[in-house]
């Protein structure tokens, strides 16, 4: 779902809840959304740490050339730098 579509759906839900007098539900959903938004960065960090842990667990040195990762066609870049770049690029693309 695109961010624009998400915004349209969220706006319509909010308008419908307020217009129908269901402000208590509107507030509860707002609090739940805020909690979820606060949890997302931590979930991203945990996922990244999990990837790094799995790479190290299978015996790949983080300072080794990224060409040791089979099938990606990247060389001349350390594994840790490659993994960081993938995480950052995906984060930027998801905000576009």
Foldseek 3Di string as FASTA:
>chain_A
DAPVVVVVVVVVVLVVCVVVPVVVVVVVVVVVVVVVVVCVVVVLVVVLVVVVVVCVVVPDDQQDFPPVPPPPPGGPDGNVVVSVVVSVVVVVVNVD
